[in-house]
């Protein structure tokens, strides 16, 4: 990773501000499907966990099967509720700059699908006449911790491999009680921002250094869990701020000089 950007989008930000239409989305979906095929991400409905010679589960192979590695240009960190916006931005990046963006849910699918399949095979202790399942609490905790740790590790690797991280800062991802009191209720967002802050910063191309630095659960009868909030102000302070106008500015300046790498153009942008 080289640089992080904090893209602030308000509640009233129109979804169409990037000019992406249905045909663009269709083409992007086809691109993602081709990518998934290249990554050999075809998981059978049966859960056949890869095993070592001693019959232990091979975690590395399981991670490669479900969370395959590749090198994207941009890692988009976002709330699950902002998935539509994240996809539009990824489509816009591909259409205008031929940049590959990583959105975990489009490339990998949902880790909860893997967890559910494992739990239905290994954690069910009873099924009543209505088909309702009872799961072993301790085994369920064990499987959850392993799947979440695998996902977290894979996400960290993707952040490291990406050239830059684009965080979608919206009311759905960050809660703001005061100007200097930004928090998120997503442990995944918190982890991604934390990783982006501490991961080694690698200059992607020789000329970039000169160009940039020379320039100065809700279930009946179950008690609702309260929000668990993670502070993100410190992490976001290391990201450069962007707004929707900056994205349009980026596209305009790149069109004026397409000989420059699109991300170099972004790094040199005079923010407005």
C-alpha atoms as a PDB file:
ATOM      1  CA  UNK A   1       0.000   0.000   0.000  1.00  0.00           C
ATOM      2  CA  UNK A   2       1.127   3.525  -0.781  1.00  0.00           C
ATOM      3  CA  UNK A   3      -1.633   5.967   0.233  1.00  0.00           C
ATOM      4  CA  UNK A   4      -5.078   6.164   1.852  1.00  0.00           C
ATOM      5  CA  UNK A   5      -7.972   8.484   0.997  1.00  0.00           C
ATOM      6  CA  UNK A   6     -10.972   9.422   3.132  1.00  0.00           C
ATOM      7  CA  UNK A   7     -13.879   9.910   0.682  1.00  0.00           C
ATOM      8  CA  UNK A   8     -16.588  11.790   2.558  1.00  0.00           C
ATOM      9  CA  UNK A   9     -20.078  11.379   1.117  1.00  0.00           C
ATOM     10  CA  UNK A  10     -23.117  12.905   2.819  1.00  0.00           C
ATOM     11  CA  UNK A  11     -26.635  11.531   3.191  1.00  0.00           C
ATOM     12  CA  UNK A  12     -27.914  13.635   0.273  1.00  0.00           C
ATOM     13  CA  UNK A  13     -25.091  12.685  -2.107  1.00  0.00           C
ATOM     14  CA  UNK A  14     -26.838  11.484  -5.311  1.00  0.00           C
ATOM     15  CA  UNK A  15     -25.968   7.940  -6.359  1.00  0.00           C
ATOM     16  CA  UNK A  16     -25.777   9.060  -9.987  1.00  0.00           C
ATOM     17  CA  UNK A  17     -23.069  11.691  -9.488  1.00  0.00           C
ATOM     18  CA  UNK A  18     -20.477   9.484 -11.207  1.00  0.00           C
ATOM     19  CA  UNK A  19     -22.565   9.073 -14.353  1.00  0.00           C
ATOM     20  CA  UNK A  20     -22.572   5.280 -14.212  1.00  0.00           C
ATOM     21  CA  UNK A  21     -25.507   3.701 -16.067  1.00  0.00           C
ATOM     22  CA  UNK A  22     -27.047   0.214 -16.114  1.00  0.00           C
ATOM     23  CA  UNK A  23     -24.922  -0.858 -19.098  1.00  0.00           C
ATOM     24  CA  UNK A  24     -21.761   0.159 -17.237  1.00  0.00           C
ATOM     25  CA  UNK A  25     -22.851  -1.923 -14.238  1.00  0.00           C
ATOM     26  CA  UNK A  26     -23.591  -4.899 -16.509  1.00  0.00           C
ATOM     27  CA  UNK A  27     -20.136  -4.700 -18.071  1.00  0.00           C
ATOM     28  CA  UNK A  28     -18.538  -4.371 -14.661  1.00  0.00           C
ATOM     29  CA  UNK A  29     -20.441  -7.441 -13.418  1.00  0.00           C
ATOM     30  CA  UNK A  30     -19.119  -9.370 -16.412  1.00  0.00           C
ATOM     31  CA  UNK A  31     -15.589  -8.198 -15.577  1.00  0.00           C
ATOM     32  CA  UNK A  32     -15.982  -9.375 -11.975  1.00  0.00           C
ATOM     33  CA  UNK A  33     -17.357 -12.728 -13.120  1.00  0.00           C
ATOM     34  CA  UNK A  34     -14.324 -13.205 -15.377  1.00  0.00           C
ATOM     35  CA  UNK A  35     -12.078 -12.305 -12.446  1.00  0.00           C
ATOM     36  CA  UNK A  36     -13.776 -14.839 -10.179  1.00  0.00           C
ATOM     37  CA  UNK A  37     -13.265 -17.521 -12.826  1.00  0.00           C
ATOM     38  CA  UNK A  38      -9.574 -16.629 -13.137  1.00  0.00           C
ATOM     39  CA  UNK A  39      -9.251 -16.905  -9.369  1.00  0.00           C
ATOM     40  CA  UNK A  40     -10.934 -20.321  -9.525  1.00  0.00           C
ATOM     41  CA  UNK A  41     -13.463 -19.227  -6.947  1.00  0.00           C
ATOM     42  CA  UNK A  42     -16.112 -21.902  -7.476  1.00  0.00           C
ATOM     43  CA  UNK A  43     -17.223 -23.304  -4.138  1.00  0.00           C
ATOM     44  CA  UNK A  44     -19.326 -26.446  -4.186  1.00  0.00           C
ATOM     45  CA  UNK A  45     -22.482 -26.549  -2.079  1.00  0.00           C
ATOM     46  CA  UNK A  46     -20.934 -29.382  -0.115  1.00  0.00           C
ATOM     47  CA  UNK A  47     -18.420 -28.385   2.550  1.00  0.00           C
ATOM     48  CA  UNK A  48     -15.362 -30.491   1.891  1.00  0.00           C
ATOM     49  CA  UNK A  49     -12.722 -28.851   4.046  1.00  0.00           C
ATOM     50  CA  UNK A  50      -9.162 -29.277   2.706  1.00  0.00           C
ATOM     51  CA  UNK A  51      -7.169 -31.523   5.002  1.00  0.00           C
ATOM     52  CA  UNK A  52      -3.533 -32.291   5.703  1.00  0.00           C
ATOM     53  CA  UNK A  53      -2.077 -35.779   5.849  1.00  0.00           C
ATOM     54  CA  UNK A  54      -2.781 -35.979   9.604  1.00  0.00           C
ATOM     55  CA  UNK A  55      -6.484 -35.182   8.891  1.00  0.00           C
ATOM     56  CA  UNK A  56      -6.205 -31.656  10.328  1.00  0.00           C
ATOM     57  CA  UNK A  57      -7.896 -28.870   8.359  1.00  0.00           C
ATOM     58  CA  UNK A  58      -5.528 -27.050   5.999  1.00  0.00           C
ATOM     59  CA  UNK A  59      -6.219 -23.377   6.806  1.00  0.00           C
ATOM     60  CA  UNK A  60      -4.010 -22.056   3.994  1.00  0.00           C
ATOM     61  CA  UNK A  61      -5.908 -23.988   1.336  1.00  0.00           C
ATOM     62  CA  UNK A  62      -9.239 -22.984   2.847  1.00  0.00           C
ATOM     63  CA  UNK A  63      -8.216 -19.298   2.711  1.00  0.00           C
ATOM     64  CA  UNK A  64      -7.053 -19.698  -0.898  1.00  0.00           C
ATOM     65  CA  UNK A  65     -10.330 -21.383  -1.842  1.00  0.00           C
ATOM     66  CA  UNK A  66     -12.613 -18.767  -0.286  1.00  0.00           C
ATOM     67  CA  UNK A  67     -10.487 -15.627  -0.188  1.00  0.00           C
ATOM     68  CA  UNK A  68      -8.145 -15.960  -3.199  1.00  0.00           C
ATOM     69  CA  UNK A  69      -5.290 -13.508  -3.527  1.00  0.00           C
ATOM     70  CA  UNK A  70      -4.744 -11.076  -6.378  1.00  0.00           C
ATOM     71  CA  UNK A  71      -3.275  -7.587  -6.761  1.00  0.00           C
ATOM     72  CA  UNK A  72      -5.886  -4.819  -7.114  1.00  0.00           C
ATOM     73  CA  UNK A  73      -5.088  -1.147  -7.650  1.00  0.00           C
ATOM     74  CA  UNK A  74      -7.585   0.200  -5.095  1.00  0.00           C
ATOM     75  CA  UNK A  75      -8.984  -1.363  -1.918  1.00  0.00           C
ATOM     76  CA  UNK A  76     -12.449   0.061  -1.154  1.00  0.00           C
ATOM     77  CA  UNK A  77     -13.219  -0.021   2.579  1.00  0.00           C
ATOM     78  CA  UNK A  78     -16.932   0.455   3.172  1.00  0.00           C
ATOM     79  CA  UNK A  79     -19.967  -0.379   5.261  1.00  0.00           C
ATOM     80  CA  UNK A  80     -22.051  -3.307   4.057  1.00  0.00           C
ATOM     81  CA  UNK A  81     -24.932  -0.819   3.792  1.00  0.00           C
ATOM     82  CA  UNK A  82     -22.879   1.205   1.283  1.00  0.00           C
ATOM     83  CA  UNK A  83     -22.191  -1.748  -1.001  1.00  0.00           C
ATOM     84  CA  UNK A  84     -24.169  -0.186  -3.879  1.00  0.00           C
ATOM     85  CA  UNK A  85     -22.121   3.023  -3.696  1.00  0.00           C
ATOM     86  CA  UNK A  86     -18.861   1.062  -3.438  1.00  0.00           C
ATOM     87  CA  UNK A  87     -19.776  -0.917  -6.540  1.00  0.00           C
ATOM     88  CA  UNK A  88     -20.607   2.251  -8.503  1.00  0.00           C
ATOM     89  CA  UNK A  89     -17.230   3.744  -7.582  1.00  0.00           C
ATOM     90  CA  UNK A  90     -15.442   0.501  -8.522  1.00  0.00           C
ATOM     91  CA  UNK A  91     -17.279   0.536 -11.856  1.00  0.00           C
ATOM     92  CA  UNK A  92     -16.325   4.199 -12.386  1.00  0.00           C
ATOM     93  CA  UNK A  93     -12.660   3.452 -11.652  1.00  0.00           C
ATOM     94  CA  UNK A  94     -12.646   0.592 -14.155  1.00  0.00           C
ATOM     95  CA  UNK A  95     -14.503   2.519 -16.866  1.00  0.00           C
ATOM     96  CA  UNK A  96     -12.508   5.758 -16.685  1.00  0.00           C
ATOM     97  CA  UNK A  97      -9.039   4.658 -15.541  1.00  0.00           C
ATOM     98  CA  UNK A  98      -8.959   0.876 -16.109  1.00  0.00           C
ATOM     99  CA  UNK A  99      -8.183   0.522 -12.391  1.00  0.00           C
ATOM    100  CA  UNK A 100      -9.175  -2.686 -10.624  1.00  0.00           C
ATOM    101  CA  UNK A 101     -10.897  -2.067  -7.299  1.00  0.00           C
ATOM    102  CA  UNK A 102     -11.332  -4.679  -4.604  1.00  0.00           C
ATOM    103  CA  UNK A 103     -14.705  -5.091  -2.888  1.00  0.00           C
ATOM    104  CA  UNK A 104     -14.671  -8.223  -0.769  1.00  0.00           C
ATOM    105  CA  UNK A 105     -18.349  -9.114  -1.271  1.00  0.00           C
ATOM    106  CA  UNK A 106     -18.114  -9.028  -5.080  1.00  0.00           C
ATOM    107  CA  UNK A 107     -14.848 -10.922  -5.498  1.00  0.00           C
ATOM    108  CA  UNK A 108     -14.979 -13.300  -2.540  1.00  0.00           C
ATOM    109  CA  UNK A 109     -18.636 -13.561  -1.636  1.00  0.00           C
ATOM    110  CA  UNK A 110     -19.870 -13.481   1.950  1.00  0.00           C
ATOM    111  CA  UNK A 111     -17.799 -15.224   4.618  1.00  0.00           C
ATOM    112  CA  UNK A 112     -21.060 -15.930   6.452  1.00  0.00           C
ATOM    113  CA  UNK A 113     -21.945 -18.350   3.641  1.00  0.00           C
ATOM    114  CA  UNK A 114     -18.833 -20.377   4.445  1.00  0.00           C
ATOM    115  CA  UNK A 115     -19.547 -20.155   8.176  1.00  0.00           C
ATOM    116  CA  UNK A 116     -23.159 -21.249   7.755  1.00  0.00           C
ATOM    117  CA  UNK A 117     -22.166 -24.253   5.678  1.00  0.00           C
ATOM    118  CA  UNK A 118     -19.562 -25.311   8.226  1.00  0.00           C
ATOM    119  CA  UNK A 119     -21.925 -24.793  11.164  1.00  0.00           C
ATOM    120  CA  UNK A 120     -24.760 -26.720   9.505  1.00  0.00           C
ATOM    121  CA  UNK A 121     -22.391 -29.628   9.019  1.00  0.00           C
ATOM    122  CA  UNK A 122     -20.450 -29.617  12.294  1.00  0.00           C
ATOM    123  CA  UNK A 123     -22.327 -27.588  14.929  1.00  0.00           C
ATOM    124  CA  UNK A 124     -25.970 -28.726  14.793  1.00  0.00           C
ATOM    125  CA  UNK A 125     -27.005 -30.697  17.876  1.00  0.00           C
ATOM    126  CA  UNK A 126     -30.766 -30.894  17.327  1.00  0.00           C
ATOM    127  CA  UNK A 127     -33.414 -30.187  14.690  1.00  0.00           C
ATOM    128  CA  UNK A 128     -37.027 -29.892  15.858  1.00  0.00           C
ATOM    129  CA  UNK A 129     -40.148 -30.952  13.928  1.00  0.00           C
ATOM    130  CA  UNK A 130     -40.390 -27.478  12.359  1.00  0.00           C
ATOM    131  CA  UNK A 131     -36.857 -27.649  11.037  1.00  0.00           C
ATOM    132  CA  UNK A 132     -35.420 -25.203  13.576  1.00  0.00           C
ATOM    133  CA  UNK A 133     -31.795 -26.004  14.401  1.00  0.00           C
ATOM    134  CA  UNK A 134     -29.988 -25.883  17.722  1.00  0.00           C
ATOM    135  CA  UNK A 135     -26.258 -25.248  17.548  1.00  0.00           C
ATOM    136  CA  UNK A 136     -23.564 -26.124  20.070  1.00  0.00           C
ATOM    137  CA  UNK A 137     -22.481 -22.762  21.545  1.00  0.00           C
ATOM    138  CA  UNK A 138     -18.831 -23.685  22.162  1.00  0.00           C
ATOM    139  CA  UNK A 139     -18.274 -25.300  18.768  1.00  0.00           C
ATOM    140  CA  UNK A 140     -20.049 -22.383  17.095  1.00  0.00           C
ATOM    141  CA  UNK A 141     -17.659 -19.941  18.805  1.00  0.00           C
ATOM    142  CA  UNK A 142     -14.728 -22.056  17.620  1.00  0.00           C
ATOM    143  CA  UNK A 143     -15.803 -22.066  13.955  1.00  0.00           C
ATOM    144  CA  UNK A 144     -16.683 -18.355  14.012  1.00  0.00           C
ATOM    145  CA  UNK A 145     -13.310 -17.328  15.425  1.00  0.00           C
ATOM    146  CA  UNK A 146     -11.444 -19.332  12.779  1.00  0.00           C
ATOM    147  CA  UNK A 147     -13.476 -18.094   9.793  1.00  0.00           C
ATOM    148  CA  UNK A 148     -13.314 -14.474  10.964  1.00  0.00           C
ATOM    149  CA  UNK A 149      -9.572 -14.733  11.558  1.00  0.00           C
ATOM    150  CA  UNK A 150      -9.087 -16.178   8.071  1.00  0.00           C
ATOM    151  CA  UNK A 151     -11.124 -13.342   6.562  1.00  0.00           C
ATOM    152  CA  UNK A 152      -9.247 -10.727   8.589  1.00  0.00           C
ATOM    153  CA  UNK A 153      -5.895 -12.140   7.502  1.00  0.00           C
ATOM    154  CA  UNK A 154      -6.970 -12.201   3.859  1.00  0.00           C
ATOM    155  CA  UNK A 155      -8.216  -8.590   4.069  1.00  0.00           C
ATOM    156  CA  UNK A 156      -4.913  -7.479   5.589  1.00  0.00           C
ATOM    157  CA  UNK A 157      -3.054  -9.145   2.726  1.00  0.00           C
ATOM    158  CA  UNK A 158      -5.272  -7.372   0.180  1.00  0.00           C
ATOM    159  CA  UNK A 159      -4.657  -3.972   1.810  1.00  0.00           C
ATOM    160  CA  UNK A 160      -0.913  -4.603   1.687  1.00  0.00           C
ATOM    161  CA  UNK A 161      -1.131  -5.653  -1.980  1.00  0.00           C
ATOM    162  CA  UNK A 162      -3.258  -2.665  -3.060  1.00  0.00           C
ATOM    163  CA  UNK A 163      -1.636   0.572  -4.149  1.00  0.00           C
ATOM    164  CA  UNK A 164      -4.126   2.747  -2.276  1.00  0.00           C
ATOM    165  CA  UNK A 165      -7.100   2.444   0.075  1.00  0.00           C
ATOM    166  CA  UNK A 166     -10.300   4.403  -0.510  1.00  0.00           C
ATOM    167  CA  UNK A 167     -12.501   4.615   2.589  1.00  0.00           C
ATOM    168  CA  UNK A 168     -16.173   5.458   1.993  1.00  0.00           C
ATOM    169  CA  UNK A 169     -16.878   7.796   4.897  1.00  0.00           C
ATOM    170  CA  UNK A 170     -20.673   7.999   5.067  1.00  0.00           C
ATOM    171  CA  UNK A 171     -23.244   8.239   7.888  1.00  0.00           C
ATOM    172  CA  UNK A 172     -23.642   4.465   7.497  1.00  0.00           C
ATOM    173  CA  UNK A 173     -19.961   3.769   8.163  1.00  0.00           C
ATOM    174  CA  UNK A 174     -19.003   6.462  10.691  1.00  0.00           C
ATOM    175  CA  UNK A 175     -21.055   7.946  13.507  1.00  0.00           C
ATOM    176  CA  UNK A 176     -20.137  11.493  14.511  1.00  0.00           C
ATOM    177  CA  UNK A 177     -21.267  12.829  17.872  1.00  0.00           C
ATOM    178  CA  UNK A 178     -18.744  15.665  17.779  1.00  0.00           C
ATOM    179  CA  UNK A 179     -16.250  16.878  15.205  1.00  0.00           C
ATOM    180  CA  UNK A 180     -13.386  15.036  16.891  1.00  0.00           C
ATOM    181  CA  UNK A 181     -15.359  12.024  18.066  1.00  0.00           C
ATOM    182  CA  UNK A 182     -15.787   9.807  15.011  1.00  0.00           C
ATOM    183  CA  UNK A 183     -16.669   6.172  15.704  1.00  0.00           C
ATOM    184  CA  UNK A 184     -17.764   3.126  13.759  1.00  0.00           C
ATOM    185  CA  UNK A 185     -19.853   0.165  14.904  1.00  0.00           C
ATOM    186  CA  UNK A 186     -18.161  -2.075  12.330  1.00  0.00           C
ATOM    187  CA  UNK A 187     -15.190  -4.055  13.676  1.00  0.00           C
ATOM    188  CA  UNK A 188     -14.249  -4.806  10.057  1.00  0.00           C
ATOM    189  CA  UNK A 189     -13.980  -1.130   9.116  1.00  0.00           C
ATOM    190  CA  UNK A 190     -11.976  -0.470  12.280  1.00  0.00           C
ATOM    191  CA  UNK A 191      -9.605  -3.330  11.454  1.00  0.00           C
ATOM    192  CA  UNK A 192      -9.172  -2.205   7.839  1.00  0.00           C
ATOM    193  CA  UNK A 193      -8.421   1.404   8.807  1.00  0.00           C
ATOM    194  CA  UNK A 194      -6.016   0.271  11.518  1.00  0.00           C
ATOM    195  CA  UNK A 195      -4.195  -2.014   9.092  1.00  0.00           C
ATOM    196  CA  UNK A 196      -4.015   0.732   6.461  1.00  0.00           C
ATOM    197  CA  UNK A 197      -2.370   3.030   9.034  1.00  0.00           C
ATOM    198  CA  UNK A 198       0.327   0.617  10.150  1.00  0.00           C
ATOM    199  CA  UNK A 199       1.052  -1.389   6.998  1.00  0.00           C
ATOM    200  CA  UNK A 200       4.348  -0.722   5.252  1.00  0.00           C
ATOM    201  CA  UNK A 201       4.074   2.152   2.767  1.00  0.00           C
ATOM    202  CA  UNK A 202       5.567   1.131  -0.559  1.00  0.00           C
ATOM    203  CA  UNK A 203       6.208   3.593  -3.397  1.00  0.00           C
ATOM    204  CA  UNK A 204       4.633   1.867  -6.439  1.00  0.00           C
ATOM    205  CA  UNK A 205       6.690   3.548  -9.162  1.00  0.00           C
ATOM    206  CA  UNK A 206       9.950   5.495  -9.136  1.00  0.00           C
ATOM    207  CA  UNK A 207       8.430   8.670 -10.600  1.00  0.00           C
ATOM    208  CA  UNK A 208       5.583   8.737  -8.085  1.00  0.00           C
ATOM    209  CA  UNK A 209       7.950   9.683  -5.291  1.00  0.00           C
ATOM    210  CA  UNK A 210       9.282  12.622  -7.291  1.00  0.00           C
ATOM    211  CA  UNK A 211       5.840  13.716  -8.518  1.00  0.00           C
ATOM    212  CA  UNK A 212       4.159  13.573  -5.128  1.00  0.00           C
ATOM    213  CA  UNK A 213       6.855  14.660  -2.718  1.00  0.00           C
ATOM    214  CA  UNK A 214       8.508  17.210  -4.899  1.00  0.00           C
ATOM    215  CA  UNK A 215       5.174  18.964  -5.058  1.00  0.00           C
ATOM    216  CA  UNK A 216       4.871  19.810  -1.516  1.00  0.00           C
ATOM    217  CA  UNK A 217     -29.297  -9.666  15.169  1.00  0.00           C
ATOM    218  CA  UNK A 218     -32.811  -9.101  15.874  1.00  0.00           C
ATOM    219  CA  UNK A 219     -34.727 -12.279  17.041  1.00  0.00           C
ATOM    220  CA  UNK A 220     -37.934 -12.404  19.106  1.00  0.00           C
ATOM    221  CA  UNK A 221     -37.343 -12.891  22.832  1.00  0.00           C
ATOM    222  CA  UNK A 222     -33.609 -12.365  22.397  1.00  0.00           C
ATOM    223  CA  UNK A 223     -32.051  -9.354  24.064  1.00  0.00           C
ATOM    224  CA  UNK A 224     -30.800  -6.766  21.573  1.00  0.00           C
ATOM    225  CA  UNK A 225     -27.055  -6.219  21.747  1.00  0.00           C
ATOM    226  CA  UNK A 226     -25.976  -2.579  22.128  1.00  0.00           C
ATOM    227  CA  UNK A 227     -23.685  -0.986  19.567  1.00  0.00           C
ATOM    228  CA  UNK A 228     -19.983  -1.672  20.027  1.00  0.00           C
ATOM    229  CA  UNK A 229     -18.157   1.446  18.828  1.00  0.00           C
ATOM    230  CA  UNK A 230     -14.529   1.708  17.726  1.00  0.00           C
ATOM    231  CA  UNK A 231     -12.730   5.093  17.532  1.00  0.00           C
ATOM    232  CA  UNK A 232     -11.489   5.898  14.025  1.00  0.00           C
ATOM    233  CA  UNK A 233     -10.501   9.587  14.242  1.00  0.00           C
ATOM    234  CA  UNK A 234      -6.807   8.781  14.706  1.00  0.00           C
ATOM    235  CA  UNK A 235      -6.778   6.394  11.745  1.00  0.00           C
ATOM    236  CA  UNK A 236      -8.643   8.800   9.452  1.00  0.00           C
ATOM    237  CA  UNK A 237      -6.203  11.598  10.305  1.00  0.00           C
ATOM    238  CA  UNK A 238      -3.564   9.711   8.281  1.00  0.00           C
ATOM    239  CA  UNK A 239      -5.831   9.603   5.191  1.00  0.00           C
ATOM    240  CA  UNK A 240      -6.103  12.423   2.660  1.00  0.00           C
ATOM    241  CA  UNK A 241      -9.612  13.899   2.376  1.00  0.00           C
ATOM    242  CA  UNK A 242     -11.641  13.549  -0.819  1.00  0.00           C
ATOM    243  CA  UNK A 243     -15.140  14.594  -1.843  1.00  0.00           C
ATOM    244  CA  UNK A 244     -17.358  13.798  -4.812  1.00  0.00           C
ATOM    245  CA  UNK A 245     -16.114  16.963  -6.586  1.00  0.00           C
ATOM    246  CA  UNK A 246     -12.563  15.647  -6.298  1.00  0.00           C
ATOM    247  CA  UNK A 247     -13.528  12.461  -8.134  1.00  0.00           C
ATOM    248  CA  UNK A 248     -14.883  14.447 -11.062  1.00  0.00           C
ATOM    249  CA  UNK A 249     -11.799  16.700 -10.923  1.00  0.00           C
ATOM    250  CA  UNK A 250      -9.598  13.593 -11.003  1.00  0.00           C
ATOM    251  CA  UNK A 251     -11.341  12.285 -14.128  1.00  0.00           C
ATOM    252  CA  UNK A 252     -11.084  15.675 -15.866  1.00  0.00           C
ATOM    253  CA  UNK A 253      -7.372  16.115 -15.166  1.00  0.00           C
ATOM    254  CA  UNK A 254      -6.597  12.543 -16.208  1.00  0.00           C
ATOM    255  CA  UNK A 255      -8.412  13.051 -19.525  1.00  0.00           C
ATOM    256  CA  UNK A 256      -6.211  16.098 -20.117  1.00  0.00           C
ATOM    257  CA  UNK A 257      -3.053  13.991 -19.742  1.00  0.00           C
ATOM    258  CA  UNK A 258      -3.646  10.256 -20.127  1.00  0.00           C
ATOM    259  CA  UNK A 259       0.075   9.573 -20.435  1.00  0.00           C
ATOM    260  CA  UNK A 260       0.232   9.837 -16.628  1.00  0.00           C
ATOM    261  CA  UNK A 261      -0.770   6.810 -14.558  1.00  0.00           C
ATOM    262  CA  UNK A 262      -4.290   7.517 -13.204  1.00  0.00           C
ATOM    263  CA  UNK A 263      -3.264   6.999  -9.588  1.00  0.00           C
ATOM    264  CA  UNK A 264      -0.309   9.368 -10.026  1.00  0.00           C
ATOM    265  CA  UNK A 265      -2.838  11.913 -11.249  1.00  0.00           C
ATOM    266  CA  UNK A 266      -4.873  11.371  -8.085  1.00  0.00           C
ATOM    267  CA  UNK A 267      -1.835  11.784  -5.835  1.00  0.00           C
ATOM    268  CA  UNK A 268      -0.923  15.121  -7.464  1.00  0.00           C
ATOM    269  CA  UNK A 269      -4.471  16.469  -7.359  1.00  0.00           C
ATOM    270  CA  UNK A 270      -4.995  19.963  -5.977  1.00  0.00           C
ATOM    271  CA  UNK A 271      -8.001  19.254  -3.744  1.00  0.00           C
ATOM    272  CA  UNK A 272     -10.982  21.589  -4.163  1.00  0.00           C
END
